[in-house]
Amino acid sequence: MKTIFTTGQVAKICKVAPRTVSKWFDSGRLRGYRIPGSQDRRIPREHLIRFLKEHGMPLGELEDEAVGKVLLVGAESLIKGSLKDQMGNDSFKLEYANSGFEAGLQAESLHPDCVVIDFVMGRNEAVMIAQNLRKNTAYADTVIIGLLSDDDNASGFDRAAFNETFRKPFDAALLAERIRTLVGRKKQFA
């Protein structure tokens, strides 16, 4: 994972001429620093990502690190809508799956940072999805959250596959904030 970029590398990411990147830098729009004793410029990753977002430019190869990916499995439309409203900003991408099979396909293509599983699809299927994700080393760091009803809380099941559980009814803003915190923590340490 590259943390510092040259103007040429930034030009490739932005699909512009290196001179354009130099102008952005010299005008102060793109922050970075010059190497002492030379005219070479260097742009730190966080400044480049901020610049791309502020100017509505595609993040390209930086998207995986800049955007938190959340997979919502089996959720009712009310929960989907609430969570989309709460997380509907540039720093999170929400995808949906209606079944365990779809969740597996989506997880494979999306590589989510967080999977939220609604137990409305059935406790056994929800637990099975979480356990299958945990068995795969590619998802060892994925945050898994379960959305439980009263019935699911009352009956015992193995919670080891879940990082957290929320009991319905819950505040969507609280769930969104918890996802931001957990995914933010994960992205910082990666």
C-alpha atoms as a PDB file:
ATOM      1  CA  MET A   1       0.000   0.000   0.000  1.00  0.00           C
ATOM      2  CA  LYS A   2       1.588   3.202  -1.206  1.00  0.00           C
ATOM      3  CA  THR A   3       1.450   6.172   1.179  1.00  0.00           C
ATOM      4  CA  ILE A   4       3.304   8.856  -0.824  1.00  0.00           C
ATOM      5  CA  PHE A   5       2.826   9.602  -4.526  1.00  0.00           C
ATOM      6  CA  THR A   6       4.864  11.484  -7.128  1.00  0.00           C
ATOM      7  CA  THR A   7       3.151  13.920  -9.500  1.00  0.00           C
ATOM      8  CA  GLY A   8       3.504  11.326 -12.272  1.00  0.00           C
ATOM      9  CA  GLN A   9       1.726   8.674 -10.197  1.00  0.00           C
ATOM     10  CA  VAL A  10      -1.048  11.108  -9.278  1.00  0.00           C
ATOM     11  CA  ALA A  11      -1.375  12.022 -12.970  1.00  0.00           C
ATOM     12  CA  LYS A  12      -1.918   8.351 -13.861  1.00  0.00           C
ATOM     13  CA  ILE A  13      -4.542   7.923 -11.125  1.00  0.00           C
ATOM     14  CA  CYS A  14      -6.364  11.103 -12.194  1.00  0.00           C
ATOM     15  CA  LYS A  15      -5.844  10.451 -15.925  1.00  0.00           C
ATOM     16  CA  VAL A  16      -4.349  13.910 -16.499  1.00  0.00           C
ATOM     17  CA  ALA A  17      -0.942  15.242 -17.569  1.00  0.00           C
ATOM     18  CA  PRO A  18       1.775  15.500 -14.879  1.00  0.00           C
ATOM     19  CA  ARG A  19       1.908  19.259 -15.547  1.00  0.00           C
ATOM     20  CA  THR A  20      -1.754  19.527 -14.498  1.00  0.00           C
ATOM     21  CA  VAL A  21      -0.930  17.864 -11.167  1.00  0.00           C
ATOM     22  CA  SER A  22       1.976  20.281 -10.723  1.00  0.00           C
ATOM     23  CA  LYS A  23      -0.398  23.215 -11.272  1.00  0.00           C
ATOM     24  CA  TRP A  24      -2.850  21.815  -8.696  1.00  0.00           C
ATOM     25  CA  PHE A  25       0.047  21.485  -6.255  1.00  0.00           C
ATOM     26  CA  ASP A  26       1.526  24.937  -6.941  1.00  0.00           C
ATOM     27  CA  SER A  27      -1.889  26.622  -6.603  1.00  0.00           C
ATOM     28  CA  GLY A  28      -2.413  24.969  -3.207  1.00  0.00           C
ATOM     29  CA  ARG A  29      -5.443  22.910  -4.234  1.00  0.00           C
ATOM     30  CA  LEU A  30      -3.532  19.618  -3.872  1.00  0.00           C
ATOM     31  CA  ARG A  31      -1.515  19.511  -0.673  1.00  0.00           C
ATOM     32  CA  GLY A  32       1.860  17.874  -0.319  1.00  0.00           C
ATOM     33  CA  TYR A  33       5.519  18.812   0.039  1.00  0.00           C
ATOM     34  CA  ARG A  34       8.668  19.364  -2.020  1.00  0.00           C
ATOM     35  CA  ILE A  35      11.765  17.258  -1.564  1.00  0.00           C
ATOM     36  CA  PRO A  36      14.503  19.515  -0.108  1.00  0.00           C
ATOM     37  CA  GLY A  37      17.049  20.620  -2.693  1.00  0.00           C
ATOM     38  CA  SER A  38      14.883  19.685  -5.688  1.00  0.00           C
ATOM     39  CA  GLN A  39      11.707  20.667  -7.475  1.00  0.00           C
ATOM     40  CA  ASP A  40      10.146  17.211  -6.999  1.00  0.00           C
ATOM     41  CA  ARG A  41       6.756  17.167  -5.338  1.00  0.00           C
ATOM     42  CA  ARG A  42       5.277  14.423  -3.156  1.00  0.00           C
ATOM     43  CA  ILE A  43       1.606  13.982  -2.309  1.00  0.00           C
ATOM     44  CA  PRO A  44       0.565  11.934   0.770  1.00  0.00           C
ATOM     45  CA  ARG A  45      -2.266   9.420   0.234  1.00  0.00           C
ATOM     46  CA  GLU A  46      -4.738  11.146   2.589  1.00  0.00           C
ATOM     47  CA  HIS A  47      -4.328  14.496   0.774  1.00  0.00           C
ATOM     48  CA  LEU A  48      -4.815  12.831  -2.603  1.00  0.00           C
ATOM     49  CA  ILE A  49      -7.990  11.027  -1.469  1.00  0.00           C
ATOM     50  CA  ARG A  50      -9.385  14.243   0.039  1.00  0.00           C
ATOM     51  CA  PHE A  51      -8.608  16.149  -3.187  1.00  0.00           C
ATOM     52  CA  LEU A  52     -10.310  13.507  -5.365  1.00  0.00           C
ATOM     53  CA  LYS A  53     -13.432  13.483  -3.167  1.00  0.00           C
ATOM     54  CA  GLU A  54     -13.657  17.288  -2.971  1.00  0.00           C
ATOM     55  CA  HIS A  55     -13.517  17.549  -6.747  1.00  0.00           C
ATOM     56  CA  GLY A  56     -15.874  14.650  -7.458  1.00  0.00           C
ATOM     57  CA  MET A  57     -13.182  12.650  -9.220  1.00  0.00           C
ATOM     58  CA  PRO A  58     -13.218   8.824  -9.261  1.00  0.00           C
ATOM     59  CA  LEU A  59     -10.958   7.261  -6.652  1.00  0.00           C
ATOM     60  CA  GLY A  60      -9.898   4.455  -8.992  1.00  0.00           C
ATOM     61  CA  GLU A  61      -7.391   2.132  -7.349  1.00  0.00           C
ATOM     62  CA  LEU A  62      -7.656   4.089  -4.070  1.00  0.00           C
ATOM     63  CA  GLU A  63     -11.362   3.281  -3.648  1.00  0.00           C
ATOM     64  CA  ASP A  64     -10.775   0.080  -1.668  1.00  0.00           C
ATOM     65  CA  GLU A  65      -8.974   2.013   1.039  1.00  0.00           C
ATOM     66  CA  ALA A  66     -11.043   5.192   0.971  1.00  0.00           C
ATOM     67  CA  VAL A  67     -14.537   3.724   0.934  1.00  0.00           C
ATOM     68  CA  GLY A  68     -16.019   1.437   3.575  1.00  0.00           C
ATOM     69  CA  LYS A  69     -18.040  -1.373   1.989  1.00  0.00           C
ATOM     70  CA  VAL A  70     -21.095  -2.686   3.824  1.00  0.00           C
ATOM     71  CA  LEU A  71     -23.130  -5.730   2.793  1.00  0.00           C
ATOM     72  CA  LEU A  72     -26.669  -5.823   4.197  1.00  0.00           C
ATOM     73  CA  VAL A  73     -28.095  -9.372   4.143  1.00  0.00           C
ATOM     74  CA  GLY A  74     -31.808 -10.214   4.311  1.00  0.00           C
ATOM     75  CA  ALA A  75     -32.838  -6.839   5.694  1.00  0.00           C
ATOM     76  CA  GLU A  76     -36.388  -5.527   5.540  1.00  0.00           C
ATOM     77  CA  SER A  77     -36.902  -2.522   3.265  1.00  0.00           C
ATOM     78  CA  LEU A  78     -37.456  -0.196   6.246  1.00  0.00           C
ATOM     79  CA  ILE A  79     -34.033  -1.094   7.669  1.00  0.00           C
ATOM     80  CA  LYS A  80     -32.414  -0.806   4.224  1.00  0.00           C
ATOM     81  CA  GLY A  81     -33.859   2.675   3.768  1.00  0.00           C
ATOM     82  CA  SER A  82     -32.956   3.862   7.269  1.00  0.00           C
ATOM     83  CA  LEU A  83     -29.394   2.621   7.030  1.00  0.00           C
ATOM     84  CA  LYS A  84     -28.992   4.061   3.534  1.00  0.00           C
ATOM     85  CA  ASP A  85     -30.169   7.465   4.820  1.00  0.00           C
ATOM     86  CA  GLN A  86     -27.771   7.323   7.765  1.00  0.00           C
ATOM     87  CA  MET A  87     -24.751   6.122   5.782  1.00  0.00           C
ATOM     88  CA  GLY A  88     -25.541   7.692   2.431  1.00  0.00           C
ATOM     89  CA  ASN A  89     -22.322   9.650   2.159  1.00  0.00           C
ATOM     90  CA  ASP A  90     -19.242   9.301  -0.013  1.00  0.00           C
ATOM     91  CA  SER A  91     -17.260   7.251   2.478  1.00  0.00           C
ATOM     92  CA  PHE A  92     -19.538   4.169   2.474  1.00  0.00           C
ATOM     93  CA  LYS A  93     -20.851   1.910  -0.245  1.00  0.00           C
ATOM     94  CA  LEU A  94     -23.933  -0.190   0.621  1.00  0.00           C
ATOM     95  CA  GLU A  95     -24.799  -3.411  -1.210  1.00  0.00           C
ATOM     96  CA  TYR A  96     -27.698  -5.782  -0.543  1.00  0.00           C
ATOM     97  CA  ALA A  97     -28.268  -9.537  -0.602  1.00  0.00           C
ATOM     98  CA  ASN A  98     -31.578 -11.335   0.042  1.00  0.00           C
ATOM     99  CA  SER A  99     -30.314 -14.870   0.722  1.00  0.00           C
ATOM    100  CA  GLY A 100     -27.297 -16.768   1.945  1.00  0.00           C
ATOM    101  CA  PHE A 101     -26.377 -17.691  -1.621  1.00  0.00           C
ATOM    102  CA  GLU A 102     -26.561 -14.053  -2.752  1.00  0.00           C
ATOM    103  CA  ALA A 103     -24.561 -13.009   0.317  1.00  0.00           C
ATOM    104  CA  GLY A 104     -21.765 -15.404  -0.689  1.00  0.00           C
ATOM    105  CA  LEU A 105     -21.680 -14.039  -4.233  1.00  0.00           C
ATOM    106  CA  GLN A 106     -21.759 -10.415  -3.067  1.00  0.00           C
ATOM    107  CA  ALA A 107     -19.065 -11.028  -0.444  1.00  0.00           C
ATOM    108  CA  GLU A 108     -16.835 -12.585  -3.099  1.00  0.00           C
ATOM    109  CA  SER A 109     -17.120  -9.624  -5.468  1.00  0.00           C
ATOM    110  CA  LEU A 110     -17.413  -6.772  -2.937  1.00  0.00           C
ATOM    111  CA  HIS A 111     -14.995  -7.924  -0.201  1.00  0.00           C
ATOM    112  CA  PRO A 112     -17.018  -5.994   2.394  1.00  0.00           C
ATOM    113  CA  ASP A 113     -15.537  -4.371   5.473  1.00  0.00           C
ATOM    114  CA  CYS A 114     -18.803  -5.032   7.325  1.00  0.00           C
ATOM    115  CA  VAL A 115     -21.637  -7.539   6.873  1.00  0.00           C
ATOM    116  CA  VAL A 116     -24.951  -6.793   8.595  1.00  0.00           C
ATOM    117  CA  ILE A 117     -27.193  -9.866   8.798  1.00  0.00           C
ATOM    118  CA  ASP A 118     -30.875  -9.456   9.630  1.00  0.00           C
ATOM    119  CA  PHE A 119     -32.259 -12.471  11.473  1.00  0.00           C
ATOM    120  CA  VAL A 120     -35.646 -11.904   9.777  1.00  0.00           C
ATOM    121  CA  MET A 121     -34.388 -14.417   7.183  1.00  0.00           C
ATOM    122  CA  GLY A 122     -34.282 -17.109   9.870  1.00  0.00           C
ATOM    123  CA  ARG A 123     -31.909 -17.622  12.743  1.00  0.00           C
ATOM    124  CA  ASN A 124     -30.267 -20.757  11.336  1.00  0.00           C
ATOM    125  CA  GLU A 125     -29.547 -19.212   7.949  1.00  0.00           C
ATOM    126  CA  ALA A 126     -28.255 -15.972   9.531  1.00  0.00           C
ATOM    127  CA  VAL A 127     -25.906 -17.852  11.861  1.00  0.00           C
ATOM    128  CA  MET A 128     -24.765 -20.098   8.999  1.00  0.00           C
ATOM    129  CA  ILE A 129     -23.873 -17.054   6.846  1.00  0.00           C
ATOM    130  CA  ALA A 130     -21.813 -15.559   9.672  1.00  0.00           C
ATOM    131  CA  GLN A 131     -20.057 -18.866  10.415  1.00  0.00           C
ATOM    132  CA  ASN A 132     -19.233 -19.447   6.738  1.00  0.00           C
ATOM    133  CA  LEU A 133     -17.717 -15.966   6.480  1.00  0.00           C
ATOM    134  CA  ARG A 134     -15.635 -16.589   9.607  1.00  0.00           C
ATOM    135  CA  LYS A 135     -14.326 -19.904   8.191  1.00  0.00           C
ATOM    136  CA  ASN A 136     -12.896 -18.109   5.149  1.00  0.00           C
ATOM    137  CA  THR A 137      -9.576 -16.407   5.968  1.00  0.00           C
ATOM    138  CA  ALA A 138     -10.296 -13.675   3.381  1.00  0.00           C
ATOM    139  CA  TYR A 139     -13.030 -12.397   5.738  1.00  0.00           C
ATOM    140  CA  ALA A 140     -11.174 -12.837   9.030  1.00  0.00           C
ATOM    141  CA  ASP A 141     -11.141  -9.048   9.605  1.00  0.00           C
ATOM    142  CA  THR A 142     -14.675  -8.432   8.332  1.00  0.00           C
ATOM    143  CA  VAL A 143     -16.977  -6.922  10.944  1.00  0.00           C
ATOM    144  CA  ILE A 144     -20.162  -9.015  11.260  1.00  0.00           C
ATOM    145  CA  ILE A 145     -23.243  -7.543  12.946  1.00  0.00           C
ATOM    146  CA  GLY A 146     -26.490  -9.405  13.653  1.00  0.00           C
ATOM    147  CA  LEU A 147     -29.906  -7.726  13.820  1.00  0.00           C
ATOM    148  CA  LEU A 148     -31.991  -9.750  16.281  1.00  0.00           C
ATOM    149  CA  SER A 149     -35.686  -9.899  17.115  1.00  0.00           C
ATOM    150  CA  ASP A 150     -36.993 -10.699  20.609  1.00  0.00           C
ATOM    151  CA  ASP A 151     -37.310 -14.392  19.683  1.00  0.00           C
ATOM    152  CA  ASP A 152     -33.673 -14.556  18.617  1.00  0.00           C
ATOM    153  CA  ASN A 153     -32.551 -12.920  21.849  1.00  0.00           C
ATOM    154  CA  ALA A 154     -34.509 -15.366  23.972  1.00  0.00           C
ATOM    155  CA  SER A 155     -33.154 -18.527  22.371  1.00  0.00           C
ATOM    156  CA  GLY A 156     -29.485 -19.279  22.717  1.00  0.00           C
ATOM    157  CA  PHE A 157     -27.167 -19.471  19.725  1.00  0.00           C
ATOM    158  CA  ASP A 158     -23.440 -19.190  19.182  1.00  0.00           C
ATOM    159  CA  ARG A 159     -22.619 -15.482  19.047  1.00  0.00           C
ATOM    160  CA  ALA A 160     -18.896 -16.102  18.430  1.00  0.00           C
ATOM    161  CA  ALA A 161     -19.245 -15.446  14.682  1.00  0.00           C
ATOM    162  CA  PHE A 162     -20.657 -11.953  15.333  1.00  0.00           C
ATOM    163  CA  ASN A 163     -18.698  -8.886  16.410  1.00  0.00           C
ATOM    164  CA  GLU A 164     -21.897  -7.237  17.643  1.00  0.00           C
ATOM    165  CA  THR A 165     -25.641  -7.745  17.783  1.00  0.00           C
ATOM    166  CA  PHE A 166     -28.449  -5.184  17.773  1.00  0.00           C
ATOM    167  CA  ARG A 167     -31.905  -5.952  19.092  1.00  0.00           C
ATOM    168  CA  LYS A 168     -34.936  -4.704  17.156  1.00  0.00           C
ATOM    169  CA  PRO A 169     -36.276  -2.117  17.297  1.00  0.00           C
ATOM    170  CA  PHE A 170     -33.052  -0.136  17.257  1.00  0.00           C
ATOM    171  CA  ASP A 171     -31.914   3.327  16.260  1.00  0.00           C
ATOM    172  CA  ALA A 172     -30.520   3.251  12.699  1.00  0.00           C
ATOM    173  CA  ALA A 173     -28.286   6.231  13.514  1.00  0.00           C
ATOM    174  CA  LEU A 174     -26.706   4.235  16.348  1.00  0.00           C
ATOM    175  CA  LEU A 175     -26.108   1.230  14.049  1.00  0.00           C
ATOM    176  CA  ALA A 176     -24.631   3.498  11.364  1.00  0.00           C
ATOM    177  CA  GLU A 177     -22.321   5.144  13.884  1.00  0.00           C
ATOM    178  CA  ARG A 178     -21.190   1.752  15.211  1.00  0.00           C
ATOM    179  CA  ILE A 179     -20.436   0.560  11.664  1.00  0.00           C
ATOM    180  CA  ARG A 180     -18.441   3.756  11.005  1.00  0.00           C
ATOM    181  CA  THR A 181     -16.444   3.223  14.199  1.00  0.00           C
ATOM    182  CA  LEU A 182     -15.706  -0.472  13.631  1.00  0.00           C
ATOM    183  CA  VAL A 183     -14.862  -0.098   9.943  1.00  0.00           C
ATOM    184  CA  GLY A 184     -12.804   3.046  10.638  1.00  0.00           C
ATOM    185  CA  ARG A 185     -10.808   1.126  13.238  1.00  0.00           C
ATOM    186  CA  LYS A 186     -10.250  -1.732  10.809  1.00  0.00           C
ATOM    187  CA  LYS A 187      -9.078   0.567   8.007  1.00  0.00           C
ATOM    188  CA  GLN A 188      -6.662   2.408  10.294  1.00  0.00           C
ATOM    189  CA  PHE A 189      -4.862  -0.743  11.393  1.00  0.00           C
ATOM    190  CA  ALA A 190      -4.728  -2.330   7.936  1.00  0.00           C
END
